[in-house]
Each structure stands twice: as C-alpha cells, then as structure tokens.
Amino acid sequence: STCRENETYPSWFSSLLNEISKPYFIDKTVNDMYALCPYSSPVIVKAFKDHLNTTPIKYLTNLKMTYAKNLLMATDYNTLDICTRIGYASLSHFNHVFKEFYGITPSQYRKKSKIIISD
C-alpha cells in the first residue's frame, strides 16, 4: 500500500511548488504563480485540489502567513514592513488575514512569542 505522502506530483507541479516556496516569491500574487506555468489556471487549480486538497490562493496565503509569523518572531520589523515584504498593499487586510489564520493579530502574536522566548 502506498502512503499518500509519498505520492509523486507531476514534475511541472513539483517545480511550481519549489519555485513559489523560494524567498523571492513571497511578495508575489497567484497570477504571478500562474505565469510561471505552461498550463492554464484551471489546470493549476485542479492540480492543487487533487494533490494538496487546497487552492492556489490558500496555498500561497499559507506560505505568506508562515513567513510573516517567522518575521514577527525573529526580527524587529514592524507590522507594516512585514505586510509590505509579503506583498500586501493594505495593513488592515494583512492583519485580517493573519488573524483568520492564527486567531490573534500580528502584534498580539509578537507579544506572545516574545514572552515565550524570554522565559
């Protein structure tokens, strides 16, 4: 029996996932992701659904939020700087998405993580 985690993706899809996880891509959009691929957006959307059970937008947002979380923990960049670095034009939108992901705002997250680190 094969484990689903060992599933091999089509090579174009593996390449795409590899490319969008690189640091330079963190401020890009889903349309930038589509532009990397020789396939149409419906084909790409279907690949994300079939292989990862998510959408390209959710996948990209997850990468961005993970990156933002790491910057909040490891740097002194302010929230606006982090927001801009990951490609959000609006601080309020970034705060909203972050809170949807983690249940707290970026500044609350930073306070909480600093307390944990300093213990």
N, C-alpha and C. Protein backbone atom coordinates (compact mmCIF):
# COMPACT_ATOMS: atom_id res chain seq x y z
N SER A 1 0.85 -1.20 0.00
CA SER A 1 0.00 0.00 0.00
C SER A 1 0.88 1.24 0.00
N THR A 2 0.55 2.18 -0.82
CA THR A 2 1.35 3.39 -0.88
C THR A 2 0.76 4.46 0.01
N CYS A 3 1.63 5.12 0.72
CA CYS A 3 1.22 6.21 1.60
C CYS A 3 1.01 7.46 0.75
N ARG A 4 -0.03 8.21 1.05
CA ARG A 4 -0.37 9.39 0.25
C ARG A 4 0.74 10.44 0.28
N GLU A 5 1.50 10.50 1.37
CA GLU A 5 2.57 11.48 1.46
C GLU A 5 3.70 11.19 0.47
N ASN A 6 3.80 9.94 0.05
CA ASN A 6 4.85 9.58 -0.90
C ASN A 6 4.40 9.74 -2.34
N GLU A 7 3.21 10.24 -2.51
CA GLU A 7 2.67 10.46 -3.84
C GLU A 7 3.61 11.37 -4.61
N THR A 8 3.91 10.98 -5.83
CA THR A 8 4.76 11.85 -6.64
C THR A 8 3.88 12.76 -7.47
N TYR A 9 4.22 14.02 -7.45
CA TYR A 9 3.48 15.01 -8.22
C TYR A 9 4.02 15.00 -9.64
N PRO A 10 3.21 15.47 -10.58
CA PRO A 10 3.76 15.69 -11.92
C PRO A 10 4.96 16.63 -11.80
N SER A 11 5.96 16.45 -12.64
CA SER A 11 7.19 17.22 -12.47
C SER A 11 6.94 18.73 -12.59
N TRP A 12 6.03 19.15 -13.46
CA TRP A 12 5.74 20.59 -13.59
C TRP A 12 5.17 21.14 -12.29
N PHE A 13 4.39 20.31 -11.57
CA PHE A 13 3.75 20.76 -10.33
C PHE A 13 4.80 20.83 -9.21
N SER A 14 5.67 19.84 -9.14
CA SER A 14 6.78 19.88 -8.18
C SER A 14 7.65 21.11 -8.40
N SER A 15 7.95 21.40 -9.65
CA SER A 15 8.76 22.57 -9.98
C SER A 15 8.06 23.85 -9.54
N LEU A 16 6.75 23.91 -9.78
CA LEU A 16 5.99 25.09 -9.39
C LEU A 16 6.01 25.28 -7.88
N LEU A 17 5.75 24.21 -7.12
CA LEU A 17 5.77 24.29 -5.66
C LEU A 17 7.14 24.73 -5.16
N ASN A 18 8.18 24.18 -5.77
CA ASN A 18 9.54 24.53 -5.39
C ASN A 18 9.81 26.02 -5.66
N GLU A 19 9.37 26.50 -6.81
CA GLU A 19 9.63 27.89 -7.20
C GLU A 19 8.89 28.87 -6.28
N ILE A 20 7.63 28.59 -5.99
CA ILE A 20 6.86 29.55 -5.19
C ILE A 20 7.24 29.52 -3.71
N SER A 21 8.00 28.51 -3.30
CA SER A 21 8.44 28.49 -1.90
C SER A 21 9.77 29.22 -1.70
N LYS A 22 10.36 29.72 -2.79
CA LYS A 22 11.62 30.47 -2.68
C LYS A 22 11.35 31.87 -2.12
N PRO A 23 12.31 32.41 -1.36
CA PRO A 23 12.11 33.71 -0.72
C PRO A 23 11.70 34.84 -1.67
N TYR A 24 12.25 34.85 -2.88
CA TYR A 24 11.92 35.95 -3.80
C TYR A 24 10.44 36.00 -4.15
N PHE A 25 9.75 34.87 -4.01
CA PHE A 25 8.35 34.80 -4.46
C PHE A 25 7.35 35.25 -3.40
N ILE A 26 7.83 35.53 -2.19
CA ILE A 26 6.92 35.75 -1.06
C ILE A 26 6.00 36.96 -1.24
N ASP A 27 6.42 37.92 -2.04
CA ASP A 27 5.55 39.09 -2.24
C ASP A 27 4.74 39.03 -3.53
N LYS A 28 4.74 37.87 -4.18
CA LYS A 28 4.05 37.72 -5.46
C LYS A 28 2.58 37.32 -5.26
N THR A 29 1.84 37.36 -6.37
CA THR A 29 0.42 37.02 -6.33
C THR A 29 0.17 35.68 -7.00
N VAL A 30 -1.07 35.23 -6.90
CA VAL A 30 -1.45 33.98 -7.54
C VAL A 30 -1.33 34.11 -9.07
N ASN A 31 -1.55 35.29 -9.61
CA ASN A 31 -1.37 35.48 -11.06
C ASN A 31 0.10 35.34 -11.46
N ASP A 32 1.00 35.77 -10.58
CA ASP A 32 2.44 35.55 -10.83
C ASP A 32 2.74 34.05 -10.84
N MET A 33 2.06 33.32 -9.96
CA MET A 33 2.23 31.87 -9.91
C MET A 33 1.77 31.24 -11.22
N TYR A 34 0.59 31.66 -11.70
CA TYR A 34 0.08 31.12 -12.96
C TYR A 34 1.04 31.40 -14.11
N ALA A 35 1.67 32.56 -14.07
CA ALA A 35 2.58 32.96 -15.14
C ALA A 35 3.83 32.08 -15.22
N LEU A 36 4.17 31.41 -14.12
CA LEU A 36 5.34 30.52 -14.10
C LEU A 36 5.08 29.22 -14.84
N CYS A 37 3.83 28.95 -15.12
CA CYS A 37 3.42 27.64 -15.59
C CYS A 37 2.97 27.64 -17.04
N PRO A 38 3.28 26.56 -17.75
CA PRO A 38 2.81 26.46 -19.13
C PRO A 38 1.32 26.09 -19.22
N TYR A 39 0.69 25.82 -18.09
CA TYR A 39 -0.70 25.38 -18.10
C TYR A 39 -1.65 26.52 -17.75
N SER A 40 -2.91 26.34 -18.11
CA SER A 40 -3.94 27.33 -17.81
C SER A 40 -4.28 27.29 -16.32
N SER A 41 -4.83 28.41 -15.82
CA SER A 41 -5.17 28.45 -14.40
C SER A 41 -6.12 27.32 -13.96
N PRO A 42 -7.15 26.92 -14.76
CA PRO A 42 -7.99 25.80 -14.30
C PRO A 42 -7.21 24.50 -14.08
N VAL A 43 -6.20 24.26 -14.92
CA VAL A 43 -5.36 23.05 -14.77
C VAL A 43 -4.56 23.15 -13.47
N ILE A 44 -4.03 24.33 -13.20
CA ILE A 44 -3.24 24.54 -11.98
C ILE A 44 -4.13 24.41 -10.74
N VAL A 45 -5.30 25.02 -10.80
CA VAL A 45 -6.25 24.93 -9.68
C VAL A 45 -6.61 23.47 -9.41
N LYS A 46 -6.85 22.71 -10.47
CA LYS A 46 -7.20 21.30 -10.31
C LYS A 46 -6.04 20.50 -9.70
N ALA A 47 -4.82 20.80 -10.10
CA ALA A 47 -3.65 20.12 -9.53
C ALA A 47 -3.54 20.40 -8.03
N PHE A 48 -3.75 21.64 -7.62
CA PHE A 48 -3.72 21.97 -6.19
C PHE A 48 -4.80 21.21 -5.44
N LYS A 49 -5.99 21.14 -6.02
CA LYS A 49 -7.11 20.44 -5.39
C LYS A 49 -6.80 18.95 -5.29
N ASP A 50 -6.36 18.34 -6.39
CA ASP A 50 -6.11 16.90 -6.44
C ASP A 50 -4.96 16.47 -5.53
N HIS A 51 -3.87 17.23 -5.56
CA HIS A 51 -2.65 16.79 -4.87
C HIS A 51 -2.54 17.32 -3.44
N LEU A 52 -3.06 18.53 -3.19
CA LEU A 52 -2.85 19.16 -1.88
C LEU A 52 -4.16 19.48 -1.16
N ASN A 53 -5.27 19.21 -1.83
CA ASN A 53 -6.59 19.48 -1.26
C ASN A 53 -6.76 20.93 -0.80
N THR A 54 -6.25 21.84 -1.61
CA THR A 54 -6.37 23.26 -1.32
C THR A 54 -6.43 24.03 -2.63
N THR A 55 -6.53 25.35 -2.54
CA THR A 55 -6.50 26.17 -3.75
C THR A 55 -5.15 26.88 -3.84
N PRO A 56 -4.78 27.33 -5.04
CA PRO A 56 -3.51 28.09 -5.15
C PRO A 56 -3.47 29.31 -4.23
N ILE A 57 -4.59 30.02 -4.13
CA ILE A 57 -4.63 31.21 -3.27
C ILE A 57 -4.41 30.84 -1.81
N LYS A 58 -5.09 29.79 -1.34
CA LYS A 58 -4.92 29.36 0.06
C LYS A 58 -3.49 28.90 0.31
N TYR A 59 -2.92 28.19 -0.66
CA TYR A 59 -1.55 27.69 -0.51
C TYR A 59 -0.57 28.85 -0.40
N LEU A 60 -0.72 29.82 -1.30
CA LEU A 60 0.16 30.99 -1.31
C LEU A 60 -0.02 31.82 -0.03
N THR A 61 -1.27 31.98 0.40
CA THR A 61 -1.55 32.72 1.63
C THR A 61 -0.90 32.03 2.82
N ASN A 62 -0.97 30.70 2.85
CA ASN A 62 -0.34 29.94 3.92
C ASN A 62 1.17 30.18 3.95
N LEU A 63 1.81 30.17 2.79
CA LEU A 63 3.25 30.46 2.72
C LEU A 63 3.54 31.86 3.27
N LYS A 64 2.73 32.83 2.86
CA LYS A 64 2.93 34.22 3.29
C LYS A 64 2.73 34.37 4.80
N MET A 65 1.70 33.72 5.34
CA MET A 65 1.41 33.85 6.77
C MET A 65 2.50 33.17 7.61
N THR A 66 3.00 32.04 7.14
CA THR A 66 4.09 31.36 7.83
C THR A 66 5.34 32.24 7.84
N TYR A 67 5.62 32.86 6.71
CA TYR A 67 6.76 33.76 6.58
C TYR A 67 6.60 34.96 7.51
N ALA A 68 5.39 35.54 7.52
CA ALA A 68 5.11 36.69 8.39
C ALA A 68 5.28 36.31 9.85
N LYS A 69 4.78 35.14 10.23
CA LYS A 69 4.90 34.66 11.61
C LYS A 69 6.37 34.54 12.00
N ASN A 70 7.17 33.99 11.10
CA ASN A 70 8.61 33.86 11.38
C ASN A 70 9.28 35.22 11.52
N LEU A 71 8.91 36.18 10.67
CA LEU A 71 9.47 37.52 10.78
C LEU A 71 9.06 38.19 12.09
N LEU A 72 7.82 37.99 12.50
CA LEU A 72 7.35 38.56 13.77
C LEU A 72 8.15 38.01 14.94
N MET A 73 8.47 36.72 14.89
CA MET A 73 9.22 36.08 15.98
C MET A 73 10.69 36.44 15.95
N ALA A 74 11.28 36.48 14.75
CA ALA A 74 12.73 36.52 14.66
C ALA A 74 13.32 37.89 14.35
N THR A 75 12.48 38.86 14.02
CA THR A 75 13.01 40.18 13.65
C THR A 75 12.30 41.27 14.44
N ASP A 76 12.79 42.48 14.29
CA ASP A 76 12.11 43.64 14.87
C ASP A 76 11.39 44.46 13.81
N TYR A 77 11.22 43.90 12.61
CA TYR A 77 10.46 44.61 11.57
C TYR A 77 9.08 44.94 12.11
N ASN A 78 8.60 46.15 11.83
CA ASN A 78 7.24 46.45 12.26
C ASN A 78 6.22 45.77 11.35
N THR A 79 4.98 45.76 11.79
CA THR A 79 3.93 45.02 11.07
C THR A 79 3.76 45.55 9.65
N LEU A 80 3.85 46.85 9.47
CA LEU A 80 3.70 47.42 8.13
C LEU A 80 4.82 46.94 7.20
N ASP A 81 6.03 46.88 7.72
CA ASP A 81 7.18 46.41 6.94
C ASP A 81 6.97 44.95 6.53
N ILE A 82 6.54 44.13 7.46
CA ILE A 82 6.29 42.72 7.17
C ILE A 82 5.18 42.59 6.13
N CYS A 83 4.12 43.34 6.33
CA CYS A 83 2.99 43.37 5.41
C CYS A 83 3.46 43.68 3.98
N THR A 84 4.30 44.69 3.84
CA THR A 84 4.82 45.08 2.53
C THR A 84 5.74 44.01 1.96
N ARG A 85 6.60 43.45 2.80
CA ARG A 85 7.53 42.41 2.35
C ARG A 85 6.83 41.20 1.75
N ILE A 86 5.66 40.85 2.27
CA ILE A 86 4.97 39.67 1.75
C ILE A 86 3.92 40.02 0.69
N GLY A 87 3.92 41.28 0.26
CA GLY A 87 3.12 41.65 -0.89
C GLY A 87 1.70 42.12 -0.61
N TYR A 88 1.41 42.51 0.63
CA TYR A 88 0.09 43.05 0.93
C TYR A 88 0.13 44.57 0.81
N ALA A 89 -0.82 45.13 0.06
CA ALA A 89 -0.87 46.57 -0.12
C ALA A 89 -1.54 47.25 1.07
N SER A 90 -2.38 46.49 1.78
CA SER A 90 -3.15 47.06 2.88
C SER A 90 -2.81 46.40 4.20
N LEU A 91 -2.41 47.22 5.17
CA LEU A 91 -2.10 46.70 6.50
C LEU A 91 -3.34 46.09 7.16
N SER A 92 -4.49 46.72 6.99
CA SER A 92 -5.69 46.18 7.62
C SER A 92 -6.07 44.81 7.02
N HIS A 93 -5.86 44.66 5.71
CA HIS A 93 -6.13 43.37 5.08
C HIS A 93 -5.16 42.29 5.61
N PHE A 94 -3.88 42.65 5.68
CA PHE A 94 -2.89 41.73 6.23
C PHE A 94 -3.26 41.32 7.66
N ASN A 95 -3.59 42.30 8.50
CA ASN A 95 -3.99 42.00 9.89
C ASN A 95 -5.20 41.05 9.93
N HIS A 96 -6.16 41.29 9.06
CA HIS A 96 -7.37 40.47 8.99
C HIS A 96 -7.03 39.02 8.61
N VAL A 97 -6.23 38.87 7.57
CA VAL A 97 -5.87 37.52 7.11
C VAL A 97 -5.04 36.80 8.17
N PHE A 98 -4.10 37.50 8.78
CA PHE A 98 -3.27 36.91 9.83
C PHE A 98 -4.14 36.42 10.98
N LYS A 99 -5.10 37.25 11.38
CA LYS A 99 -5.98 36.90 12.49
C LYS A 99 -6.86 35.70 12.13
N GLU A 100 -7.31 35.64 10.88
CA GLU A 100 -8.08 34.46 10.43
C GLU A 100 -7.24 33.19 10.55
N PHE A 101 -5.97 33.28 10.23
CA PHE A 101 -5.07 32.14 10.27
C PHE A 101 -4.75 31.69 11.70
N TYR A 102 -4.38 32.65 12.54
CA TYR A 102 -3.80 32.32 13.84
C TYR A 102 -4.67 32.69 15.04
N GLY A 103 -5.79 33.36 14.78
CA GLY A 103 -6.71 33.70 15.86
C GLY A 103 -6.32 34.93 16.67
N ILE A 104 -5.18 35.51 16.35
CA ILE A 104 -4.74 36.74 17.02
C ILE A 104 -4.08 37.66 15.99
N THR A 105 -3.98 38.93 16.32
CA THR A 105 -3.36 39.88 15.39
C THR A 105 -1.84 39.71 15.37
N PRO A 106 -1.18 40.23 14.34
CA PRO A 106 0.28 40.14 14.30
C PRO A 106 0.95 40.73 15.55
N SER A 107 0.47 41.87 16.03
CA SER A 107 1.11 42.46 17.22
C SER A 107 0.87 41.62 18.47
N GLN A 108 -0.32 41.03 18.58
CA GLN A 108 -0.57 40.12 19.71
C GLN A 108 0.33 38.89 19.61
N TYR A 109 0.50 38.39 18.37
CA TYR A 109 1.36 37.23 18.15
C TYR A 109 2.79 37.54 18.57
N ARG A 110 3.28 38.71 18.16
CA ARG A 110 4.64 39.10 18.50
C ARG A 110 4.82 39.18 20.02
N LYS A 111 3.88 39.82 20.71
CA LYS A 111 3.95 39.92 22.18
C LYS A 111 4.02 38.53 22.80
N LYS A 112 3.13 37.65 22.34
CA LYS A 112 3.07 36.29 22.89
C LYS A 112 4.36 35.53 22.64
N SER A 113 4.92 35.64 21.43
CA SER A 113 6.13 34.89 21.11
C SER A 113 7.35 35.46 21.84
N LYS A 114 7.37 36.75 22.06
CA LYS A 114 8.50 37.36 22.81
C LYS A 114 8.50 36.88 24.27
N ILE A 115 7.31 36.75 24.85
CA ILE A 115 7.21 36.28 26.25
C ILE A 115 7.76 34.86 26.35
N ILE A 116 7.37 34.01 25.38
CA ILE A 116 7.82 32.63 25.37
C ILE A 116 9.34 32.56 25.26
N ILE A 117 9.88 33.37 24.35
CA ILE A 117 11.33 33.37 24.12
C ILE A 117 12.10 33.84 25.34
N SER A 118 11.59 34.84 26.04
CA SER A 118 12.33 35.43 27.15
C SER A 118 12.22 34.63 28.46
N ASP A 119 11.34 33.62 28.49
CA ASP A 119 11.22 32.82 29.71
C ASP A 119 12.47 32.00 30.01
